[in-house]
Amino acid sequence: MTKTFTIKDGQAPAQEQLEEVRAAAKREIQFDEDSPELSPAMFKAFRCIVTQRNRKKKNA
């Protein structure tokens, strides 16, 4: 299950939110048919796309 937290500038996350994030970070990633593990080539392509996207955001 995916949870989304929206924290505005200057707002601190609640202790409960921090605990949920820490617990989620300790869990292993569960791959399945809908979200298979990326091959090394696909992972490299994904990283490249993310880097380009982040550059555009930074310059905008």
C-alpha atoms as a PDB file:
ATOM      1  CA  MET A   1       0.000   0.000   0.000  1.00  0.00           C
ATOM      2  CA  THR A   2       1.223   3.483  -0.840  1.00  0.00           C
ATOM      3  CA  LYS A   3       0.720   6.439   1.461  1.00  0.00           C
ATOM      4  CA  THR A   4       1.326  10.028   0.505  1.00  0.00           C
ATOM      5  CA  PHE A   5       2.208  12.771   2.949  1.00  0.00           C
ATOM      6  CA  THR A   6       2.049  16.431   1.968  1.00  0.00           C
ATOM      7  CA  ILE A   7       4.208  18.680   4.074  1.00  0.00           C
ATOM      8  CA  LYS A   8       4.220  22.388   3.336  1.00  0.00           C
ATOM      9  CA  ASP A   9       7.263  24.646   3.634  1.00  0.00           C
ATOM     10  CA  GLY A  10       8.081  25.304   7.261  1.00  0.00           C
ATOM     11  CA  GLN A  11       5.820  22.497   8.498  1.00  0.00           C
ATOM     12  CA  ALA A  12       7.400  19.631  10.434  1.00  0.00           C
ATOM     13  CA  PRO A  13       6.145  16.066   9.890  1.00  0.00           C
ATOM     14  CA  ALA A  14       4.244  14.469  12.748  1.00  0.00           C
ATOM     15  CA  GLN A  15       6.028  11.861  14.867  1.00  0.00           C
ATOM     16  CA  GLU A  16       3.622   9.198  13.580  1.00  0.00           C
ATOM     17  CA  GLN A  17       4.540  10.074   9.988  1.00  0.00           C
ATOM     18  CA  LEU A  18       8.252   9.831  10.755  1.00  0.00           C
ATOM     19  CA  GLU A  19       7.775   6.420  12.376  1.00  0.00           C
ATOM     20  CA  GLU A  20       5.868   5.133   9.327  1.00  0.00           C
ATOM     21  CA  VAL A  21       8.608   6.336   6.989  1.00  0.00           C
ATOM     22  CA  ARG A  22      11.321   4.708   9.116  1.00  0.00           C
ATOM     23  CA  ALA A  23       9.388   1.421   9.222  1.00  0.00           C
ATOM     24  CA  ALA A  24       8.869   1.488   5.445  1.00  0.00           C
ATOM     25  CA  ALA A  25      12.574   2.120   4.849  1.00  0.00           C
ATOM     26  CA  LYS A  26      13.421  -1.103   6.717  1.00  0.00           C
ATOM     27  CA  ARG A  27      11.121  -3.276   4.561  1.00  0.00           C
ATOM     28  CA  GLU A  28      12.420  -5.031   1.474  1.00  0.00           C
ATOM     29  CA  ILE A  29      11.101  -4.078  -1.954  1.00  0.00           C
ATOM     30  CA  GLN A  30       8.481  -6.545  -3.165  1.00  0.00           C
ATOM     31  CA  PHE A  31       8.627  -7.034  -6.945  1.00  0.00           C
ATOM     32  CA  ASP A  32       5.668  -8.570  -8.802  1.00  0.00           C
ATOM     33  CA  GLU A  33       4.158  -8.816 -12.300  1.00  0.00           C
ATOM     34  CA  ASP A  34       2.994  -5.204 -12.232  1.00  0.00           C
ATOM     35  CA  SER A  35       6.324  -3.846 -11.010  1.00  0.00           C
ATOM     36  CA  PRO A  36       9.153  -6.182 -11.991  1.00  0.00           C
ATOM     37  CA  GLU A  37      12.743  -5.632 -10.987  1.00  0.00           C
ATOM     38  CA  LEU A  38      14.608  -3.531 -13.557  1.00  0.00           C
ATOM     39  CA  SER A  39      17.417  -5.036 -15.599  1.00  0.00           C
ATOM     40  CA  PRO A  40      20.765  -3.222 -15.330  1.00  0.00           C
ATOM     41  CA  ALA A  41      20.180  -1.590 -18.751  1.00  0.00           C
ATOM     42  CA  MET A  42      16.673  -0.436 -17.810  1.00  0.00           C
ATOM     43  CA  PHE A  43      17.941   0.883 -14.456  1.00  0.00           C
ATOM     44  CA  LYS A  44      20.642   2.895 -16.230  1.00  0.00           C
ATOM     45  CA  ALA A  45      18.063   4.366 -18.639  1.00  0.00           C
ATOM     46  CA  PHE A  46      15.750   5.228 -15.732  1.00  0.00           C
ATOM     47  CA  ARG A  47      18.539   7.012 -13.840  1.00  0.00           C
ATOM     48  CA  CYS A  48      19.420   8.996 -16.972  1.00  0.00           C
ATOM     49  CA  ILE A  49      15.816  10.118 -17.458  1.00  0.00           C
ATOM     50  CA  VAL A  50      15.475  11.108 -13.794  1.00  0.00           C
ATOM     51  CA  THR A  51      18.700  13.114 -13.956  1.00  0.00           C
ATOM     52  CA  GLN A  52      17.465  14.982 -17.035  1.00  0.00           C
ATOM     53  CA  ARG A  53      14.098  15.667 -15.400  1.00  0.00           C
ATOM     54  CA  ASN A  54      15.742  17.010 -12.260  1.00  0.00           C
ATOM     55  CA  ARG A  55      17.995  19.313 -14.298  1.00  0.00           C
ATOM     56  CA  LYS A  56      14.943  20.766 -16.050  1.00  0.00           C
ATOM     57  CA  LYS A  57      13.186  21.316 -12.707  1.00  0.00           C
ATOM     58  CA  LYS A  58      16.256  23.021 -11.233  1.00  0.00           C
ATOM     59  CA  ASN A  59      16.614  25.370 -14.214  1.00  0.00           C
ATOM     60  CA  ALA A  60      12.921  26.217 -14.429  1.00  0.00           C
END
